[in-house]
Amino acid sequence: MSKDIKEKDKVVSPCISICKTDPRTGFCYGCGRTDEEKMIWKEEKTSILWKKENLNLLMKRMSGWQLETFKESYSNKKKTGLSLFKQNSAKDN
């Protein structure tokens, strides 16, 4: 992966700072990723295409309030750099 990727082409990590894994499914309650997917996201060689496809898969895993909460927090993270959880925690301090 090229070091000079344009800012608009970057894909923001789906982590929304709710990092607890469901013991039954192995999916994170916040972002819906498995531990393996979390590691792949951190690898420098992971393609933008893989990340976009994974984001679509993650949202298919979610439903109801979990999906709505994820979408709202992820959208906020893309705009401000902070998930809603981190943004609200910063206000409390």
PDB file of N, CA and C in Angstrom:
ATOM      1  N   MET A   1       0.846  -1.181   0.000  1.00  0.00           N
ATOM      2  CA  MET A   1       0.000   0.000   0.000  1.00  0.00           C
ATOM      3  C   MET A   1       0.889   1.240   0.000  1.00  0.00           C
ATOM      4  N   SER A   2       0.545   2.171  -0.840  1.00  0.00           N
ATOM      5  CA  SER A   2       1.343   3.373  -1.014  1.00  0.00           C
ATOM      6  C   SER A   2       1.245   4.286   0.202  1.00  0.00           C
ATOM      7  N   LYS A   3       2.370   4.893   0.543  1.00  0.00           N
ATOM      8  CA  LYS A   3       2.402   5.819   1.676  1.00  0.00           C
ATOM      9  C   LYS A   3       1.690   7.125   1.348  1.00  0.00           C
ATOM     10  N   ASP A   4       1.557   7.441   0.041  1.00  0.00           N
ATOM     11  CA  ASP A   4       0.956   8.712  -0.323  1.00  0.00           C
ATOM     12  C   ASP A   4      -0.526   8.575  -0.697  1.00  0.00           C
ATOM     13  N   ILE A   5      -1.239   7.778   0.068  1.00  0.00           N
ATOM     14  CA  ILE A   5      -2.682   7.642  -0.126  1.00  0.00           C
ATOM     15  C   ILE A   5      -3.334   8.974   0.221  1.00  0.00           C
ATOM     16  N   LYS A   6      -4.241   9.402  -0.628  1.00  0.00           N
ATOM     17  CA  LYS A   6      -4.934  10.661  -0.389  1.00  0.00           C
ATOM     18  C   LYS A   6      -5.815  10.532   0.846  1.00  0.00           C
ATOM     19  N   GLU A   7      -5.958  11.619   1.559  1.00  0.00           N
ATOM     20  CA  GLU A   7      -6.764  11.642   2.788  1.00  0.00           C
ATOM     21  C   GLU A   7      -8.197  11.165   2.530  1.00  0.00           C
ATOM     22  N   LYS A   8      -8.773  11.542   1.390  1.00  0.00           N
ATOM     23  CA  LYS A   8     -10.148  11.157   1.081  1.00  0.00           C
ATOM     24  C   LYS A   8     -10.296   9.658   0.836  1.00  0.00           C
ATOM     25  N   ASP A   9      -9.202   8.982   0.534  1.00  0.00           N
ATOM     26  CA  ASP A   9      -9.245   7.548   0.260  1.00  0.00           C
ATOM     27  C   ASP A   9      -9.061   6.700   1.518  1.00  0.00           C
ATOM     28  N   LYS A  10      -8.706   7.318   2.625  1.00  0.00           N
ATOM     29  CA  LYS A  10      -8.508   6.562   3.859  1.00  0.00           C
ATOM     30  C   LYS A  10      -9.847   6.102   4.414  1.00  0.00           C
ATOM     31  N   VAL A  11      -9.819   4.969   5.101  1.00  0.00           N
ATOM     32  CA  VAL A  11     -11.028   4.447   5.735  1.00  0.00           C
ATOM     33  C   VAL A  11     -10.799   4.466   7.239  1.00  0.00           C
ATOM     34  N   VAL A  12     -11.658   5.155   7.952  1.00  0.00           N
ATOM     35  CA  VAL A  12     -11.554   5.291   9.406  1.00  0.00           C
ATOM     36  C   VAL A  12     -11.887   3.954  10.070  1.00  0.00           C
ATOM     37  N   SER A  13     -11.118   3.601  11.074  1.00  0.00           N
ATOM     38  CA  SER A  13     -11.367   2.377  11.835  1.00  0.00           C
ATOM     39  C   SER A  13     -12.782   2.381  12.397  1.00  0.00           C
ATOM     40  N   PRO A  14     -13.461   1.229  12.356  1.00  0.00           N
ATOM     41  CA  PRO A  14     -14.819   1.166  12.889  1.00  0.00           C
ATOM     42  C   PRO A  14     -14.903   1.133  14.413  1.00  0.00           C
ATOM     43  N   CYS A  15     -13.782   1.141  15.101  1.00  0.00           N
ATOM     44  CA  CYS A  15     -13.811   1.113  16.569  1.00  0.00           C
ATOM     45  C   CYS A  15     -14.535   2.349  17.091  1.00  0.00           C
ATOM     46  N   ILE A  16     -15.565   2.135  17.916  1.00  0.00           N
ATOM     47  CA  ILE A  16     -16.293   3.259  18.517  1.00  0.00           C
ATOM     48  C   ILE A  16     -16.107   3.282  20.037  1.00  0.00           C
ATOM     49  N   SER A  17     -15.043   2.640  20.504  1.00  0.00           N
ATOM     50  CA  SER A  17     -14.624   2.674  21.910  1.00  0.00           C
ATOM     51  C   SER A  17     -15.559   1.941  22.867  1.00  0.00           C
ATOM     52  N   ILE A  18     -16.334   1.008  22.345  1.00  0.00           N
ATOM     53  CA  ILE A  18     -17.165   0.127  23.168  1.00  0.00           C
ATOM     54  C   ILE A  18     -16.566  -1.265  22.966  1.00  0.00           C
ATOM     55  N   CYS A  19     -15.458  -1.523  23.614  1.00  0.00           N
ATOM     56  CA  CYS A  19     -14.626  -2.687  23.315  1.00  0.00           C
ATOM     57  C   CYS A  19     -14.880  -3.851  24.274  1.00  0.00           C
ATOM     58  N   LYS A  20     -15.960  -4.536  24.016  1.00  0.00           N
ATOM     59  CA  LYS A  20     -16.305  -5.748  24.774  1.00  0.00           C
ATOM     60  C   LYS A  20     -16.749  -6.793  23.758  1.00  0.00           C
ATOM     61  N   THR A  21     -16.274  -8.010  23.923  1.00  0.00           N
ATOM     62  CA  THR A  21     -16.594  -9.075  22.982  1.00  0.00           C
ATOM     63  C   THR A  21     -17.702  -9.970  23.513  1.00  0.00           C
ATOM     64  N   ASP A  22     -18.665 -10.224  22.664  1.00  0.00           N
ATOM     65  CA  ASP A  22     -19.754 -11.144  22.994  1.00  0.00           C
ATOM     66  C   ASP A  22     -19.154 -12.547  23.032  1.00  0.00           C
ATOM     67  N   PRO A  23     -19.219 -13.236  24.166  1.00  0.00           N
ATOM     68  CA  PRO A  23     -18.593 -14.560  24.273  1.00  0.00           C
ATOM     69  C   PRO A  23     -19.273 -15.617  23.395  1.00  0.00           C
ATOM     70  N   ARG A  24     -20.505 -15.388  23.037  1.00  0.00           N
ATOM     71  CA  ARG A  24     -21.223 -16.362  22.212  1.00  0.00           C
ATOM     72  C   ARG A  24     -20.843 -16.240  20.735  1.00  0.00           C
ATOM     73  N   THR A  25     -20.804 -15.005  20.214  1.00  0.00           N
ATOM     74  CA  THR A  25     -20.542 -14.797  18.785  1.00  0.00           C
ATOM     75  C   THR A  25     -19.084 -14.497  18.467  1.00  0.00           C
ATOM     76  N   GLY A  26     -18.357 -13.941  19.440  1.00  0.00           N
ATOM     77  CA  GLY A  26     -16.982 -13.504  19.186  1.00  0.00           C
ATOM     78  C   GLY A  26     -16.913 -12.130  18.542  1.00  0.00           C
ATOM     79  N   PHE A  27     -18.063 -11.439  18.424  1.00  0.00           N
ATOM     80  CA  PHE A  27     -18.105 -10.112  17.822  1.00  0.00           C
ATOM     81  C   PHE A  27     -18.068  -9.047  18.907  1.00  0.00           C
ATOM     82  N   CYS A  28     -17.379  -7.954  18.613  1.00  0.00           N
ATOM     83  CA  CYS A  28     -17.331  -6.811  19.523  1.00  0.00           C
ATOM     84  C   CYS A  28     -18.718  -6.177  19.584  1.00  0.00           C
ATOM     85  N   TYR A  29     -19.183  -5.840  20.790  1.00  0.00           N
ATOM     86  CA  TYR A  29     -20.481  -5.198  20.949  1.00  0.00           C
ATOM     87  C   TYR A  29     -20.521  -3.825  20.267  1.00  0.00           C
ATOM     88  N   GLY A  30     -19.397  -3.130  20.230  1.00  0.00           N
ATOM     89  CA  GLY A  30     -19.362  -1.788  19.641  1.00  0.00           C
ATOM     90  C   GLY A  30     -19.286  -1.782  18.132  1.00  0.00           C
ATOM     91  N   CYS A  31     -18.287  -2.459  17.581  1.00  0.00           N
ATOM     92  CA  CYS A  31     -18.039  -2.374  16.139  1.00  0.00           C
ATOM     93  C   CYS A  31     -18.402  -3.633  15.361  1.00  0.00           C
ATOM     94  N   GLY A  32     -18.655  -4.727  16.054  1.00  0.00           N
ATOM     95  CA  GLY A  32     -19.041  -5.956  15.369  1.00  0.00           C
ATOM     96  C   GLY A  32     -17.890  -6.775  14.810  1.00  0.00           C
ATOM     97  N   ARG A  33     -16.652  -6.356  15.077  1.00  0.00           N
ATOM     98  CA  ARG A  33     -15.500  -7.089  14.523  1.00  0.00           C
ATOM     99  C   ARG A  33     -15.088  -8.249  15.416  1.00  0.00           C
ATOM    100  N   THR A  34     -14.446  -9.233  14.787  1.00  0.00           N
ATOM    101  CA  THR A  34     -13.787 -10.308  15.527  1.00  0.00           C
ATOM    102  C   THR A  34     -12.395  -9.827  15.910  1.00  0.00           C
ATOM    103  N   ASP A  35     -11.727 -10.531  16.793  1.00  0.00           N
ATOM    104  CA  ASP A  35     -10.355 -10.172  17.155  1.00  0.00           C
ATOM    105  C   ASP A  35      -9.447 -10.241  15.935  1.00  0.00           C
ATOM    106  N   GLU A  36      -9.669 -11.225  15.063  1.00  0.00           N
ATOM    107  CA  GLU A  36      -8.859 -11.351  13.841  1.00  0.00           C
ATOM    108  C   GLU A  36      -9.059 -10.138  12.928  1.00  0.00           C
ATOM    109  N   GLU A  37     -10.303  -9.709  12.769  1.00  0.00           N
ATOM    110  CA  GLU A  37     -10.572  -8.540  11.927  1.00  0.00           C
ATOM    111  C   GLU A  37      -9.920  -7.284  12.512  1.00  0.00           C
ATOM    112  N   LYS A  38      -9.924  -7.162  13.817  1.00  0.00           N
ATOM    113  CA  LYS A  38      -9.268  -6.016  14.454  1.00  0.00           C
ATOM    114  C   LYS A  38      -7.782  -5.987  14.116  1.00  0.00           C
ATOM    115  N   MET A  39      -7.137  -7.158  14.123  1.00  0.00           N
ATOM    116  CA  MET A  39      -5.713  -7.232  13.789  1.00  0.00           C
ATOM    117  C   MET A  39      -5.478  -6.879  12.324  1.00  0.00           C
ATOM    118  N   ILE A  40      -6.346  -7.362  11.442  1.00  0.00           N
ATOM    119  CA  ILE A  40      -6.195  -7.074  10.014  1.00  0.00           C
ATOM    120  C   ILE A  40      -6.314  -5.577   9.755  1.00  0.00           C
ATOM    121  N   TRP A  41      -7.232  -4.902  10.440  1.00  0.00           N
ATOM    122  CA  TRP A  41      -7.383  -3.453  10.275  1.00  0.00           C
ATOM    123  C   TRP A  41      -6.086  -2.713  10.596  1.00  0.00           C
ATOM    124  N   LYS A  42      -5.329  -3.213  11.563  1.00  0.00           N
ATOM    125  CA  LYS A  42      -4.112  -2.525  12.003  1.00  0.00           C
ATOM    126  C   LYS A  42      -2.916  -2.774  11.085  1.00  0.00           C
ATOM    127  N   GLU A  43      -2.988  -3.800  10.238  1.00  0.00           N
ATOM    128  CA  GLU A  43      -1.869  -4.120   9.353  1.00  0.00           C
ATOM    129  C   GLU A  43      -1.743  -3.067   8.255  1.00  0.00           C
ATOM    130  N   GLU A  44      -0.531  -2.598   8.056  1.00  0.00           N
ATOM    131  CA  GLU A  44      -0.272  -1.559   7.066  1.00  0.00           C
ATOM    132  C   GLU A  44      -0.636  -2.013   5.653  1.00  0.00           C
ATOM    133  N   LYS A  45      -0.497  -3.300   5.379  1.00  0.00           N
ATOM    134  CA  LYS A  45      -0.739  -3.817   4.024  1.00  0.00           C
ATOM    135  C   LYS A  45      -2.221  -4.048   3.709  1.00  0.00           C
ATOM    136  N   THR A  46      -3.101  -3.876   4.691  1.00  0.00           N
ATOM    137  CA  THR A  46      -4.530  -4.112   4.463  1.00  0.00           C
ATOM    138  C   THR A  46      -5.075  -3.083   3.481  1.00  0.00           C
ATOM    139  N   SER A  47      -5.744  -3.561   2.449  1.00  0.00           N
ATOM    140  CA  SER A  47      -6.228  -2.679   1.386  1.00  0.00           C
ATOM    141  C   SER A  47      -7.470  -1.895   1.807  1.00  0.00           C
ATOM    142  N   ILE A  48      -7.641  -0.766   1.153  1.00  0.00           N
ATOM    143  CA  ILE A  48      -8.824   0.057   1.364  1.00  0.00           C
ATOM    144  C   ILE A  48     -10.065  -0.720   0.958  1.00  0.00           C
ATOM    145  N   LEU A  49      -9.968  -1.482  -0.125  1.00  0.00           N
ATOM    146  CA  LEU A  49     -11.102  -2.286  -0.582  1.00  0.00           C
ATOM    147  C   LEU A  49     -11.520  -3.279   0.495  1.00  0.00           C
ATOM    148  N   TRP A  50     -10.551  -3.973   1.124  1.00  0.00           N
ATOM    149  CA  TRP A  50     -10.883  -4.930   2.192  1.00  0.00           C
ATOM    150  C   TRP A  50     -11.595  -4.208   3.338  1.00  0.00           C
ATOM    151  N   LYS A  51     -11.090  -3.037   3.711  1.00  0.00           N
ATOM    152  CA  LYS A  51     -11.686  -2.293   4.821  1.00  0.00           C
ATOM    153  C   LYS A  51     -13.123  -1.890   4.497  1.00  0.00           C
ATOM    154  N   LYS A  52     -13.368  -1.416   3.280  1.00  0.00           N
ATOM    155  CA  LYS A  52     -14.728  -1.028   2.892  1.00  0.00           C
ATOM    156  C   LYS A  52     -15.654  -2.237   2.888  1.00  0.00           C
ATOM    157  N   GLU A  53     -15.180  -3.354   2.362  1.00  0.00           N
ATOM    158  CA  GLU A  53     -15.985  -4.578   2.356  1.00  0.00           C
ATOM    159  C   GLU A  53     -16.258  -5.067   3.772  1.00  0.00           C
ATOM    160  N   ASN A  54     -15.246  -4.954   4.646  1.00  0.00           N
ATOM    161  CA  ASN A  54     -15.420  -5.378   6.030  1.00  0.00           C
ATOM    162  C   ASN A  54     -16.437  -4.497   6.744  1.00  0.00           C
ATOM    163  N   LEU A  55     -16.394  -3.186   6.499  1.00  0.00           N
ATOM    164  CA  LEU A  55     -17.381  -2.277   7.097  1.00  0.00           C
ATOM    165  C   LEU A  55     -18.799  -2.694   6.712  1.00  0.00           C
ATOM    166  N   ASN A  56     -19.008  -3.041   5.447  1.00  0.00           N
ATOM    167  CA  ASN A  56     -20.330  -3.497   4.994  1.00  0.00           C
ATOM    168  C   ASN A  56     -20.728  -4.777   5.715  1.00  0.00           C
ATOM    169  N   LEU A  57     -19.793  -5.711   5.866  1.00  0.00           N
ATOM    170  CA  LEU A  57     -20.054  -6.963   6.568  1.00  0.00           C
ATOM    171  C   LEU A  57     -20.409  -6.702   8.030  1.00  0.00           C
ATOM    172  N   LEU A  58     -19.677  -5.808   8.668  1.00  0.00           N
ATOM    173  CA  LEU A  58     -19.924  -5.495  10.078  1.00  0.00           C
ATOM    174  C   LEU A  58     -21.344  -4.977  10.280  1.00  0.00           C
ATOM    175  N   MET A  59     -21.776  -4.101   9.388  1.00  0.00           N
ATOM    176  CA  MET A  59     -23.120  -3.541   9.541  1.00  0.00           C
ATOM    177  C   MET A  59     -24.201  -4.584   9.247  1.00  0.00           C
ATOM    178  N   LYS A  60     -23.898  -5.580   8.454  1.00  0.00           N
ATOM    179  CA  LYS A  60     -24.855  -6.664   8.226  1.00  0.00           C
ATOM    180  C   LYS A  60     -24.983  -7.551   9.466  1.00  0.00           C
ATOM    181  N   ARG A  61     -23.939  -7.593  10.290  1.00  0.00           N
ATOM    182  CA  ARG A  61     -23.970  -8.377  11.527  1.00  0.00           C
ATOM    183  C   ARG A  61     -24.845  -7.732  12.582  1.00  0.00           C
ATOM    184  N   MET A  62     -25.033  -6.425  12.469  1.00  0.00           N
ATOM    185  CA  MET A  62     -25.760  -5.669  13.487  1.00  0.00           C
ATOM    186  C   MET A  62     -27.204  -5.454  13.069  1.00  0.00           C
ATOM    187  N   SER A  63     -28.035  -5.147  14.058  1.00  0.00           N
ATOM    188  CA  SER A  63     -29.424  -4.782  13.779  1.00  0.00           C
ATOM    189  C   SER A  63     -29.937  -3.914  14.927  1.00  0.00           C
ATOM    190  N   GLY A  64     -31.112  -3.340  14.721  1.00  0.00           N
ATOM    191  CA  GLY A  64     -31.761  -2.573  15.780  1.00  0.00           C
ATOM    192  C   GLY A  64     -30.899  -1.462  16.349  1.00  0.00           C
ATOM    193  N   TRP A  65     -30.975  -1.315  17.681  1.00  0.00           N
ATOM    194  CA  TRP A  65     -30.271  -0.226  18.362  1.00  0.00           C
ATOM    195  C   TRP A  65     -28.761  -0.318  18.184  1.00  0.00           C
ATOM    196  N   GLN A  66     -28.215  -1.546  18.098  1.00  0.00           N
ATOM    197  CA  GLN A  66     -26.764  -1.675  17.932  1.00  0.00           C
ATOM    198  C   GLN A  66     -26.320  -1.055  16.617  1.00  0.00           C
ATOM    199  N   LEU A  67     -27.044  -1.336  15.549  1.00  0.00           N
ATOM    200  CA  LEU A  67     -26.704  -0.785  14.235  1.00  0.00           C
ATOM    201  C   LEU A  67     -26.883   0.729  14.222  1.00  0.00           C
ATOM    202  N   GLU A  68     -27.966   1.220  14.777  1.00  0.00           N
ATOM    203  CA  GLU A  68     -28.204   2.662  14.803  1.00  0.00           C
ATOM    204  C   GLU A  68     -27.133   3.387  15.624  1.00  0.00           C
ATOM    205  N   THR A  69     -26.793   2.828  16.781  1.00  0.00           N
ATOM    206  CA  THR A  69     -25.749   3.420  17.620  1.00  0.00           C
ATOM    207  C   THR A  69     -24.403   3.429  16.903  1.00  0.00           C
ATOM    208  N   PHE A  70     -24.084   2.309  16.248  1.00  0.00           N
ATOM    209  CA  PHE A  70     -22.827   2.237  15.510  1.00  0.00           C
ATOM    210  C   PHE A  70     -22.791   3.291  14.408  1.00  0.00           C
ATOM    211  N   LYS A  71     -23.835   3.373  13.612  1.00  0.00           N
ATOM    212  CA  LYS A  71     -23.862   4.330  12.499  1.00  0.00           C
ATOM    213  C   LYS A  71     -23.694   5.761  12.997  1.00  0.00           C
ATOM    214  N   GLU A  72     -24.396   6.110  14.061  1.00  0.00           N
ATOM    215  CA  GLU A  72     -24.307   7.469  14.607  1.00  0.00           C
ATOM    216  C   GLU A  72     -22.907   7.763  15.141  1.00  0.00           C
ATOM    217  N   SER A  73     -22.353   6.834  15.896  1.00  0.00           N
ATOM    218  CA  SER A  73     -21.030   7.052  16.485  1.00  0.00           C
ATOM    219  C   SER A  73     -19.933   7.036  15.417  1.00  0.00           C
ATOM    220  N   TYR A  74     -20.048   6.126  14.447  1.00  0.00           N
ATOM    221  CA  TYR A  74     -19.042   6.044  13.379  1.00  0.00           C
ATOM    222  C   TYR A  74     -19.079   7.302  12.511  1.00  0.00           C
ATOM    223  N   SER A  75     -20.260   7.788  12.224  1.00  0.00           N
ATOM    224  CA  SER A  75     -20.397   9.027  11.456  1.00  0.00           C
ATOM    225  C   SER A  75     -19.740  10.187  12.201  1.00  0.00           C
ATOM    226  N   ASN A  76     -19.976  10.269  13.500  1.00  0.00           N
ATOM    227  CA  ASN A  76     -19.360  11.311  14.325  1.00  0.00           C
ATOM    228  C   ASN A  76     -17.840  11.177  14.321  1.00  0.00           C
ATOM    229  N   LYS A  77     -17.355   9.930  14.391  1.00  0.00           N
ATOM    230  CA  LYS A  77     -15.907   9.698  14.395  1.00  0.00           C
ATOM    231  C   LYS A  77     -15.285  10.150  13.077  1.00  0.00           C
ATOM    232  N   LYS A  78     -15.958   9.894  11.967  1.00  0.00           N
ATOM    233  CA  LYS A  78     -15.427  10.317  10.669  1.00  0.00           C
ATOM    234  C   LYS A  78     -15.384  11.840  10.562  1.00  0.00           C
ATOM    235  N   LYS A  79     -16.356  12.528  11.168  1.00  0.00           N
ATOM    236  CA  LYS A  79     -16.413  13.997  11.109  1.00  0.00           C
ATOM    237  C   LYS A  79     -15.454  14.667  12.081  1.00  0.00           C
ATOM    238  N   THR A  80     -15.394  14.128  13.320  1.00  0.00           N
ATOM    239  CA  THR A  80     -14.662  14.819  14.390  1.00  0.00           C
ATOM    240  C   THR A  80     -13.383  14.123  14.831  1.00  0.00           C
ATOM    241  N   GLY A  81     -13.238  12.851  14.448  1.00  0.00           N
ATOM    242  CA  GLY A  81     -12.082  12.085  14.903  1.00  0.00           C
ATOM    243  C   GLY A  81     -12.326  11.345  16.208  1.00  0.00           C
ATOM    244  N   LEU A  82     -13.513  11.548  16.797  1.00  0.00           N
ATOM    245  CA  LEU A  82     -13.837  10.897  18.074  1.00  0.00           C
ATOM    246  C   LEU A  82     -15.179  10.177  17.982  1.00  0.00           C
ATOM    247  N   SER A  83     -15.226   8.983  18.568  1.00  0.00           N
ATOM    248  CA  SER A  83     -16.511   8.301  18.692  1.00  0.00           C
ATOM    249  C   SER A  83     -17.362   9.093  19.676  1.00  0.00           C
ATOM    250  N   LEU A  84     -18.663   8.865  19.661  1.00  0.00           N
ATOM    251  CA  LEU A  84     -19.537   9.565  20.613  1.00  0.00           C
ATOM    252  C   LEU A  84     -19.147   9.259  22.053  1.00  0.00           C
ATOM    253  N   PHE A  85     -18.753   8.014  22.330  1.00  0.00           N
ATOM    254  CA  PHE A  85     -18.334   7.631  23.676  1.00  0.00           C
ATOM    255  C   PHE A  85     -17.147   8.480  24.127  1.00  0.00           C
ATOM    256  N   LYS A  86     -16.114   8.578  23.268  1.00  0.00           N
ATOM    257  CA  LYS A  86     -14.935   9.376  23.639  1.00  0.00           C
ATOM    258  C   LYS A  86     -15.271  10.861  23.717  1.00  0.00           C
ATOM    259  N   GLN A  87     -16.100  11.325  22.817  1.00  0.00           N
ATOM    260  CA  GLN A  87     -16.493  12.737  22.832  1.00  0.00           C
ATOM    261  C   GLN A  87     -17.251  13.065  24.113  1.00  0.00           C
ATOM    262  N   ASN A  88     -18.170  12.217  24.499  1.00  0.00           N
ATOM    263  CA  ASN A  88     -18.930  12.459  25.726  1.00  0.00           C
ATOM    264  C   ASN A  88     -18.062  12.284  26.969  1.00  0.00           C
ATOM    265  N   SER A  89     -17.103  11.370  26.948  1.00  0.00           N
ATOM    266  CA  SER A  89     -16.196  11.193  28.078  1.00  0.00           C
ATOM    267  C   SER A  89     -15.324  12.431  28.267  1.00  0.00           C
ATOM    268  N   ALA A  90     -14.919  13.046  27.159  1.00  0.00           N
ATOM    269  CA  ALA A  90     -14.089  14.250  27.233  1.00  0.00           C
ATOM    270  C   ALA A  90     -14.871  15.411  27.847  1.00  0.00           C
ATOM    271  N   LYS A  91     -16.164  15.487  27.578  1.00  0.00           N
ATOM    272  CA  LYS A  91     -17.014  16.539  28.149  1.00  0.00           C
ATOM    273  C   LYS A  91     -17.155  16.384  29.655  1.00  0.00           C
ATOM    274  N   ASP A  92     -17.186  15.113  30.105  1.00  0.00           N
ATOM    275  CA  ASP A  92     -17.364  14.837  31.533  1.00  0.00           C
ATOM    276  C   ASP A  92     -16.133  15.190  32.358  1.00  0.00           C
ATOM    277  N   ASN A  93     -14.985  15.283  31.724  1.00  0.00           N
ATOM    278  CA  ASN A  93     -13.733  15.556  32.455  1.00  0.00           C
ATOM    279  C   ASN A  93     -13.382  16.978  32.496  1.00  0.00           C
TER     280      ASN A  93
END
